[in-house]
């Protein structure tokens, strides 16, 4: 039986953004374009009388929001067999949605991963070239940019993901299997779930929903009944590759914090302590919970604060230095916890590190440093 994490890893590799053989992908793009035409035409039809208020709400939200959901095609340069010649081919598809009128589009990092070029297809079938603005692989978030067409762009409104409750109605719009502007409806099944980013890092505080999310839905919006974005569809758990009612969305408030950094720097800015910590496997082998400081970098803020790394004794034995178990109010059980904690702060902030040092407890005040290669775009 597959574990939860192994099922999600399989789906990210095989269906996060949908990868298909070229003839199948080409056929889906044609079908997708036709369905876009059908969807636009359907949006002009009047809402039939006699529908329940909930059905009317669903229809109105879909019609309003679908114009802002886009179809994304990932093109990559592929070397021809038995040749040094490279050709560019469409290798995958996914979803995204318009964030602002200037042409900024939000999607998953894995949807555009490895792309040599990206094509965005709008709801009216307009095809636009896109370029990356910023990518946060550890959060599976990416911003791409298109030149707005003459008719303009309609962005979706961002909601608030902090006040969500289990049982709340949600709607997902995306392009599963290349079928554009597909709507599914469900509820929030659980909150504060944990999923795995393409880099292997944990993404915490994730929304779980039973709204059907299938391959190709990645990057599409998860909407509340007011039509506001509360999350971005990212992953599913399944052994078949199709939806089994367990889907995950990255909370919009998490994304909102990333957007200014992605716009300004093209990446997430994580402040530095100036230490190297042991990997989780090493700590587990020693039965230690916390972040083992392996090395304190010269002239770093950690060195100035007095932290110490591992030393080797005269007899060849290893003497542990500081083991960080808390940063401010964030408990640290492993290196992933440390990275998540640091992402809550900015360069220049001062934090308190709580450590175990050879049987004693120590406290350090450290002013976080900026990455040395930090430059505005």
Protein backbone atom coordinates (compact mmCIF):
# COMPACT_ATOMS: atom_id res chain seq x y z
CA UNK A 1 0.00 0.00 0.00
CA UNK A 2 1.29 3.46 -0.89
CA UNK A 3 1.87 5.92 1.94
CA UNK A 4 0.28 9.38 1.82
CA UNK A 5 3.59 11.07 0.98
CA UNK A 6 4.59 8.47 -1.64
CA UNK A 7 1.21 8.82 -3.37
CA UNK A 8 1.63 12.59 -3.49
CA UNK A 9 5.19 12.33 -4.79
CA UNK A 10 4.00 10.00 -7.56
CA UNK A 11 1.27 12.41 -8.57
CA UNK A 12 3.62 15.39 -8.63
CA UNK A 13 5.89 13.46 -10.94
CA UNK A 14 3.15 12.13 -13.19
CA UNK A 15 0.16 14.44 -12.98
CA UNK A 16 0.86 17.66 -11.11
CA UNK A 17 1.02 19.48 -14.36
CA UNK A 18 -0.21 17.05 -16.89
CA UNK A 19 2.49 15.40 -19.03
CA UNK A 20 1.33 13.58 -22.13
CA UNK A 21 2.71 12.20 -25.40
CA UNK A 22 2.83 14.87 -28.08
CA UNK A 23 -0.09 13.61 -30.26
CA UNK A 24 -2.36 13.28 -27.23
CA UNK A 25 -1.33 16.68 -25.91
CA UNK A 26 -1.96 18.28 -29.30
CA UNK A 27 -5.41 16.74 -29.47
CA UNK A 28 -6.22 17.96 -25.98
CA UNK A 29 -5.15 21.49 -26.88
CA UNK A 30 -7.56 21.45 -29.82
CA UNK A 31 -10.35 20.03 -27.66
CA UNK A 32 -9.51 22.56 -24.96
CA UNK A 33 -9.81 25.45 -27.41
CA UNK A 34 -13.20 24.16 -28.58
CA UNK A 35 -14.41 23.77 -25.01
CA UNK A 36 -13.28 27.31 -24.25
CA UNK A 37 -15.59 28.46 -27.02
CA UNK A 38 -18.42 26.39 -25.57
CA UNK A 39 -17.73 27.73 -22.07
CA UNK A 40 -17.80 31.33 -23.24
CA UNK A 41 -21.05 30.73 -25.09
CA UNK A 42 -22.59 29.00 -22.08
CA UNK A 43 -21.69 31.95 -19.88
CA UNK A 44 -24.03 34.11 -21.97
CA UNK A 45 -27.07 31.90 -21.37
CA UNK A 46 -29.59 33.10 -18.78
CA UNK A 47 -29.79 31.19 -15.52
CA UNK A 48 -32.87 28.91 -15.72
CA UNK A 49 -35.74 29.56 -13.35
CA UNK A 50 -36.45 27.09 -10.58
CA UNK A 51 -32.86 26.49 -9.51
CA UNK A 52 -32.03 26.54 -5.82
CA UNK A 53 -30.22 29.54 -4.38
CA UNK A 54 -27.12 27.40 -3.92
CA UNK A 55 -27.17 26.34 -7.59
CA UNK A 56 -27.61 29.95 -8.68
CA UNK A 57 -24.67 30.97 -6.50
CA UNK A 58 -22.47 28.27 -8.01
CA UNK A 59 -23.36 29.31 -11.55
CA UNK A 60 -22.77 33.01 -10.87
CA UNK A 61 -19.40 32.39 -9.23
CA UNK A 62 -18.28 30.14 -12.09
CA UNK A 63 -19.36 32.58 -14.79
CA UNK A 64 -17.66 35.48 -13.06
CA UNK A 65 -14.44 33.67 -12.15
CA UNK A 66 -13.88 31.50 -15.23
CA UNK A 67 -12.89 34.49 -17.36
CA UNK A 68 -9.87 34.91 -15.06
CA UNK A 69 -8.72 31.27 -15.17
CA UNK A 70 -6.11 30.44 -17.80
CA UNK A 71 -4.78 27.34 -19.51
CA UNK A 72 -0.97 27.05 -19.29
CA UNK A 73 1.21 25.05 -21.68
CA UNK A 74 4.77 24.14 -20.70
CA UNK A 75 7.16 23.94 -23.68
CA UNK A 76 10.59 22.40 -23.31
CA UNK A 77 13.56 21.89 -25.58
CA UNK A 78 14.04 18.18 -26.22
CA UNK A 79 16.97 16.55 -27.95
CA UNK A 80 16.03 14.41 -30.93
CA UNK A 81 16.95 10.71 -30.68
CA UNK A 82 20.35 9.93 -32.23
CA UNK A 83 20.91 13.63 -32.92
CA UNK A 84 22.30 16.75 -31.30
CA UNK A 85 19.37 18.76 -32.64
CA UNK A 86 16.92 20.15 -30.10
CA UNK A 87 13.28 20.94 -30.81
CA UNK A 88 10.79 22.73 -28.61
CA UNK A 89 7.69 20.75 -27.76
CA UNK A 90 4.65 21.13 -25.53
CA UNK A 91 5.24 18.60 -22.76
CA UNK A 92 2.70 19.53 -20.10
CA UNK A 93 -0.33 21.59 -19.23
CA UNK A 94 -1.78 23.15 -16.12
CA UNK A 95 -3.91 25.98 -14.82
CA UNK A 96 -3.42 29.46 -13.46
CA UNK A 97 -5.38 32.59 -12.74
CA UNK A 98 -5.00 36.30 -13.40
CA UNK A 99 -3.68 38.16 -10.39
CA UNK A 100 -3.58 41.74 -11.70
CA UNK A 101 -4.48 43.79 -14.75
CA UNK A 102 -0.80 44.21 -15.65
CA UNK A 103 -0.69 40.59 -16.80
CA UNK A 104 0.61 38.88 -13.67
CA UNK A 105 -0.62 35.29 -13.42
CA UNK A 106 -0.35 32.94 -10.46
CA UNK A 107 0.27 29.22 -10.87
CA UNK A 108 2.16 26.32 -9.32
CA UNK A 109 5.93 26.17 -9.61
CA UNK A 110 5.73 22.60 -10.90
CA UNK A 111 3.43 23.66 -13.75
CA UNK A 112 6.17 25.81 -15.33
CA UNK A 113 9.17 23.83 -14.04
CA UNK A 114 11.84 23.28 -16.68
CA UNK A 115 9.99 25.32 -19.32
CA UNK A 116 11.95 26.90 -22.16
CA UNK A 117 8.81 28.87 -22.99
CA UNK A 118 5.28 29.14 -21.62
CA UNK A 119 2.02 29.75 -23.47
CA UNK A 120 -1.06 31.12 -21.72
CA UNK A 121 -4.51 30.63 -23.27
CA UNK A 122 -7.18 33.01 -22.02
CA UNK A 123 -10.90 32.28 -21.71
CA UNK A 124 -11.57 33.94 -25.09
CA UNK A 125 -8.93 31.64 -26.71
CA UNK A 126 -6.32 34.40 -27.01
CA UNK A 127 -2.85 32.84 -26.83
CA UNK A 128 -0.07 34.82 -25.16
CA UNK A 129 3.58 34.17 -24.44
CA UNK A 130 4.52 34.33 -20.78
CA UNK A 131 7.79 34.87 -18.96
CA UNK A 132 8.57 33.96 -15.34
CA UNK A 133 8.64 36.74 -12.75
CA UNK A 134 9.46 34.70 -9.70
CA UNK A 135 9.38 31.11 -8.48
CA UNK A 136 9.18 29.68 -4.95
CA UNK A 137 9.77 25.94 -5.44
CA UNK A 138 9.64 25.23 -1.68
CA UNK A 139 6.07 26.58 -1.63
CA UNK A 140 5.11 25.38 -5.14
CA UNK A 141 4.20 28.93 -6.17
CA UNK A 142 5.15 30.80 -9.34
CA UNK A 143 4.36 34.17 -10.90
CA UNK A 144 4.43 34.54 -14.67
CA UNK A 145 3.81 37.63 -16.80
CA UNK A 146 1.97 38.21 -20.08
CA UNK A 147 1.51 41.36 -22.12
CA UNK A 148 -2.14 42.29 -21.52
CA UNK A 149 -4.26 42.12 -24.70
CA UNK A 150 -6.20 45.08 -26.02
CA UNK A 151 -9.40 43.85 -24.39
CA UNK A 152 -7.70 43.86 -20.98
CA UNK A 153 -7.59 41.28 -18.23
CA UNK A 154 -9.94 40.59 -15.32
CA UNK A 155 -8.11 39.58 -12.12
CA UNK A 156 -9.63 37.43 -9.42
CA UNK A 157 -10.09 38.90 -5.97
CA UNK A 158 -8.05 37.37 -3.17
CA UNK A 159 -9.96 36.35 -0.06
CA UNK A 160 -8.87 35.43 3.46
CA UNK A 161 -7.81 31.88 4.29
CA UNK A 162 -7.34 32.44 8.03
CA UNK A 163 -11.02 32.27 8.90
CA UNK A 164 -11.93 29.10 7.02
CA UNK A 165 -13.95 26.36 8.68
CA UNK A 166 -14.43 22.68 7.88
CA UNK A 167 -17.67 22.14 5.95
CA UNK A 168 -17.49 25.46 4.13
CA UNK A 169 -18.49 25.32 0.45
CA UNK A 170 -15.66 25.66 -2.07
CA UNK A 171 -15.36 25.58 -5.85
CA UNK A 172 -12.34 24.61 -7.96
CA UNK A 173 -11.84 25.76 -11.53
CA UNK A 174 -9.10 24.40 -13.76
CA UNK A 175 -8.14 22.41 -16.81
CA UNK A 176 -8.13 18.73 -15.83
CA UNK A 177 -6.80 16.47 -18.59
CA UNK A 178 -6.62 19.55 -20.83
CA UNK A 179 -10.38 20.15 -20.60
CA UNK A 180 -10.59 23.88 -20.07
CA UNK A 181 -12.66 25.66 -17.48
CA UNK A 182 -13.97 22.67 -15.61
CA UNK A 183 -15.87 23.40 -12.38
CA UNK A 184 -16.04 21.08 -9.40
CA UNK A 185 -17.80 21.80 -6.12
CA UNK A 186 -17.18 20.48 -2.63
CA UNK A 187 -16.40 21.50 0.91
CA UNK A 188 -13.35 22.12 3.04
CA UNK A 189 -12.62 18.67 4.43
CA UNK A 190 -9.82 19.63 6.81
CA UNK A 191 -7.39 22.43 7.62
CA UNK A 192 -3.71 22.67 8.55
CA UNK A 193 -2.72 19.67 6.48
CA UNK A 194 0.85 19.08 5.37
CA UNK A 195 1.95 18.34 1.80
CA UNK A 196 5.29 18.03 0.07
CA UNK A 197 6.71 20.58 -2.35
CA UNK A 198 8.56 19.47 -5.51
CA UNK A 199 11.81 20.17 -3.63
CA UNK A 200 10.88 17.76 -0.83
CA UNK A 201 10.22 20.56 1.66
CA UNK A 202 7.03 20.38 3.70
CA UNK A 203 4.25 22.88 3.00
CA UNK A 204 2.21 23.39 6.14
CA UNK A 205 -1.20 24.85 6.86
CA UNK A 206 -2.63 23.44 3.62
CA UNK A 207 -6.36 23.25 2.84
CA UNK A 208 -7.88 19.81 2.18
CA UNK A 209 -10.99 19.61 0.01
CA UNK A 210 -13.20 16.95 -1.54
CA UNK A 211 -13.86 19.12 -4.62
CA UNK A 212 -12.55 16.93 -7.44
CA UNK A 213 -9.02 17.96 -8.43
CA UNK A 214 -7.51 16.01 -11.31
CA UNK A 215 -4.27 16.12 -13.32
CA UNK A 216 -4.09 19.52 -15.00
CA UNK A 217 -5.99 21.33 -12.21
CA UNK A 218 -2.71 22.41 -10.63
CA UNK A 219 -2.44 26.18 -10.33
CA UNK A 220 -6.17 26.83 -10.59
CA UNK A 221 -8.09 28.75 -7.92
CA UNK A 222 -10.05 27.35 -5.00
CA UNK A 223 -12.94 29.78 -4.46
CA UNK A 224 -15.37 30.50 -1.66
CA UNK A 225 -19.07 31.17 -2.24
CA UNK A 226 -18.31 34.87 -2.78
CA UNK A 227 -16.02 34.02 -5.69
CA UNK A 228 -12.85 35.05 -3.86
CA UNK A 229 -9.67 33.00 -4.00
CA UNK A 230 -8.96 31.19 -0.75
CA UNK A 231 -6.33 28.83 -2.12
CA UNK A 232 -4.48 27.53 -5.15
CA UNK A 233 -5.04 23.89 -6.13
CA UNK A 234 -1.77 22.04 -5.88
CA UNK A 235 -1.94 18.28 -5.30
CA UNK A 236 -4.11 15.23 -4.85
CA UNK A 237 -3.68 11.93 -3.07
CA UNK A 238 -4.49 8.99 -5.30
CA UNK A 239 -3.06 5.68 -6.42
CA UNK A 240 -4.95 5.75 -9.71
CA UNK A 241 -3.98 9.25 -10.84
CA UNK A 242 -7.58 10.49 -10.68
CA UNK A 243 -9.51 12.27 -7.98
CA UNK A 244 -10.64 10.22 -4.98
CA UNK A 245 -11.90 13.19 -2.99
CA UNK A 246 -8.62 14.18 -1.33
CA UNK A 247 -7.24 17.37 -2.82
CA UNK A 248 -5.01 20.07 -1.42
CA UNK A 249 -4.75 23.80 -1.96
CA UNK A 250 -2.09 26.26 -0.81
CA UNK A 251 -3.78 28.92 1.39
CA UNK A 252 -4.07 32.33 -0.23
CA UNK A 253 -2.69 34.12 2.84
CA UNK A 254 0.52 32.13 2.50
CA UNK A 255 0.70 33.06 -1.18
CA UNK A 256 -0.06 36.71 -0.43
CA UNK A 257 3.09 36.95 1.72
CA UNK A 258 5.23 35.54 -1.10
CA UNK A 259 4.01 37.80 -3.91
CA UNK A 260 5.95 41.00 -3.00
CA UNK A 261 9.23 39.05 -2.73
CA UNK A 262 8.63 37.19 -5.98
CA UNK A 263 7.91 40.48 -7.74
CA UNK A 264 10.94 42.27 -6.27
CA UNK A 265 13.58 39.55 -6.12
CA UNK A 266 12.26 36.71 -8.28
CA UNK A 267 12.45 34.32 -5.33
CA UNK A 268 11.64 34.00 -1.65
CA UNK A 269 14.08 35.81 0.61
CA UNK A 270 14.96 33.72 3.64
CA UNK A 271 17.15 35.51 6.23
CA UNK A 272 20.35 33.80 7.28
CA UNK A 273 21.81 32.70 10.59
CA UNK A 274 25.19 31.77 9.17
CA UNK A 275 25.20 28.13 10.27
CA UNK A 276 25.22 24.71 8.66
CA UNK A 277 22.94 22.18 10.33
CA UNK A 278 22.94 18.40 10.19
CA UNK A 279 20.48 16.62 7.94
CA UNK A 280 17.49 14.98 9.57
CA UNK A 281 18.84 11.47 9.03
CA UNK A 282 21.97 12.24 11.05
CA UNK A 283 19.92 13.72 13.89
CA UNK A 284 17.57 10.73 13.85
CA UNK A 285 20.53 8.35 14.04
CA UNK A 286 21.70 10.10 17.20
CA UNK A 287 18.15 10.21 18.57
CA UNK A 288 18.28 14.00 18.83
CA UNK A 289 15.28 16.28 18.34
CA UNK A 290 16.30 19.72 17.16
CA UNK A 291 18.77 21.29 14.74
CA UNK A 292 22.35 20.15 15.28
CA UNK A 293 24.74 22.99 14.44
CA UNK A 294 27.46 21.36 12.36
CA UNK A 295 29.42 24.50 11.53
CA UNK A 296 29.28 28.19 12.35
CA UNK A 297 30.38 30.21 9.34
CA UNK A 298 33.20 32.76 9.84
CA UNK A 299 32.10 36.39 10.32
CA UNK A 300 28.44 35.34 10.46
CA UNK A 301 25.79 36.67 12.82
CA UNK A 302 25.78 33.27 14.53
CA UNK A 303 29.52 33.49 15.19
CA UNK A 304 29.13 36.99 16.60
CA UNK A 305 26.37 35.69 18.89
CA UNK A 306 28.62 32.87 20.15
CA UNK A 307 27.03 29.72 18.71
CA UNK A 308 29.25 26.67 18.42
CA UNK A 309 29.33 23.80 15.99
CA UNK A 310 30.58 20.23 16.20
CA UNK A 311 34.17 19.62 17.34
CA UNK A 312 36.29 16.52 17.05
CA UNK A 313 38.09 15.40 20.18
CA UNK A 314 41.74 14.33 20.37
CA UNK A 315 40.63 10.70 20.41
CA UNK A 316 38.56 11.17 17.25
CA UNK A 317 35.23 11.38 19.07
CA UNK A 318 32.59 13.87 17.96
CA UNK A 319 31.64 16.58 20.43
CA UNK A 320 28.27 18.16 19.73
CA UNK A 321 27.95 21.91 19.82
CA UNK A 322 24.67 23.78 20.07
CA UNK A 323 21.44 21.96 19.27
CA UNK A 324 18.73 24.53 18.53
CA UNK A 325 15.34 23.45 19.81
CA UNK A 326 13.41 26.72 19.58
CA UNK A 327 13.55 29.97 17.57
CA UNK A 328 11.47 32.63 19.32
CA UNK A 329 8.16 30.82 19.83
CA UNK A 330 8.70 28.27 17.05
CA UNK A 331 9.64 24.77 18.30
CA UNK A 332 12.27 23.10 16.12
CA UNK A 333 12.33 19.33 15.75
CA UNK A 334 14.37 19.23 12.53
CA UNK A 335 16.00 21.36 9.86
CA UNK A 336 12.71 21.75 7.97
CA UNK A 337 11.22 23.40 11.07
CA UNK A 338 14.14 25.83 11.13
CA UNK A 339 13.64 26.86 7.51
CA UNK A 340 9.90 27.36 8.06
CA UNK A 341 10.58 29.46 11.15
CA UNK A 342 13.13 31.66 9.38
CA UNK A 343 10.64 32.34 6.59
CA UNK A 344 8.45 34.17 9.11
CA UNK A 345 11.12 36.84 9.53
CA UNK A 346 13.02 39.39 7.44
CA UNK A 347 16.70 40.29 7.27
CA UNK A 348 17.50 42.65 10.14
CA UNK A 349 14.99 41.11 12.56
CA UNK A 350 16.37 39.96 15.89
CA UNK A 351 15.38 36.51 17.12
CA UNK A 352 16.06 34.41 20.21
CA UNK A 353 17.62 30.98 19.77
CA UNK A 354 17.18 28.39 22.52
CA UNK A 355 19.74 25.58 22.47
CA UNK A 356 21.04 22.58 24.33
CA UNK A 357 24.81 22.70 24.73
CA UNK A 358 26.43 19.64 26.29
CA UNK A 359 23.82 19.25 28.99
CA UNK A 360 23.22 22.95 29.57
CA UNK A 361 20.59 25.28 28.14
CA UNK A 362 21.70 28.42 26.35
CA UNK A 363 19.94 31.43 24.87
CA UNK A 364 21.32 33.62 22.06
CA UNK A 365 20.04 36.87 20.59
CA UNK A 366 20.81 36.97 16.87
CA UNK A 367 20.13 39.64 14.26
CA UNK A 368 19.25 37.85 11.04
CA UNK A 369 21.35 38.62 7.97
CA UNK A 370 20.36 39.14 4.35
CA UNK A 371 21.51 36.71 1.65
CA UNK A 372 24.72 38.04 0.07
CA UNK A 373 23.34 37.82 -3.48
CA UNK A 374 20.11 39.69 -2.75
CA UNK A 375 19.34 42.15 -5.55
CA UNK A 376 16.12 43.83 -6.61
CA UNK A 377 14.91 43.08 -10.12
